[in-house]
Amino acid sequence: MRLIPNQRHMKTFTFIIFCFFVTTFSFSEVSQNEKDALLALYKSTNGEKWNNTWNLNEPIENWYGVTVIDYKVVELNLHFNNLQGTLPQEIGNLENLRKINLGFNQLEGQLPSTLGNLKSLISLELFMNKFDGKIPLEIGNLTSLRVIKLYSNSLTGEIPTSIGNLINLKELMLGSNFLTGSIPLEFKDLSRLEILSLIDNKLVGEIPSEIGQLSNLKELVLASNELTGSVPYQVTSLSHLSTFMVSDNNFDREYVSVIDGEGKMPTMLLEFNSETVITDND
């Protein structure tokens, strides 16, 4: 049967459209680099025994706790999911990741330096695990970070001064570890910080007076360390501060905690002079 010109053109057009969709589909998948990173995490954390495991034969967007947008892995939420093992170096290949929450698991070993590759990350939550070793300096590369929650691990060493680079940070929670050294002066650059919790570590030295420059601070929790000297009076300039805990240190006097003071604490402090202890309303 001979095709008239219009029929030939129609078949050609249909074939082009078909090729377009095949090509688009071929490239509309999570990259192999990201998939390999997720598989490395699955393998290194005993994925078969997770509370909610992955069916590796299904598309990645169907995997529990993985959020895919525009064929990019942007969120990884596997908290309280019985992850056991270590965090692989390949985690740094998830370069589009914006949020990661692996809290309440049994992860151990050191935090990989490749976390510093996650330049899009805004929330890093690895709390309530068994991580040890130092906080990697590379964490200071993540200038989009707003939240860091590494509390209740076994981290050691000094707090990296590079954290002072994280100018968008709002919450820094490093409590219940074995961190040593002093509170970095570089924290003064964290102008958006609202929560600073370093409770239950082995920090020494004095509280930097520069803490008084953190005008958005709502919670300052430094209890149960080995801090010395006295609380700088500059703290009274923090008009939004409602929670203040510095007990169980080696200060030259006792300080009673103020918890959920609804932003009234600095006004209360100004009723005393700089030689007076900070108390609550009891």
Foldseek 3Di string as FASTA:
>chain_A
DDDDVVVVVVVVVVVVVVVVVVVCVVPQAADPLVVVLVVVQCVQFVQVPWQQHADVVDGPCPGPQFHADSNATATGACALTAGAGERDLSPLSSQNYAYYAHHHYAYEEADHLSVLSNQNYAEAHHDHYAYEEADHLSVLNNQNHAYDHHEHYAYEEADHLSVLSNQNHAEDAHAHYAYEEADHPSVLSNQNYAYDAHYAYAYEEADDLSVLSNQNYAEDHHDNYAYEEDHDLSVLNNQNHQWYHHANYHYPDGAETGHRNRSCQSVVSVVDDPVDHRYYPD
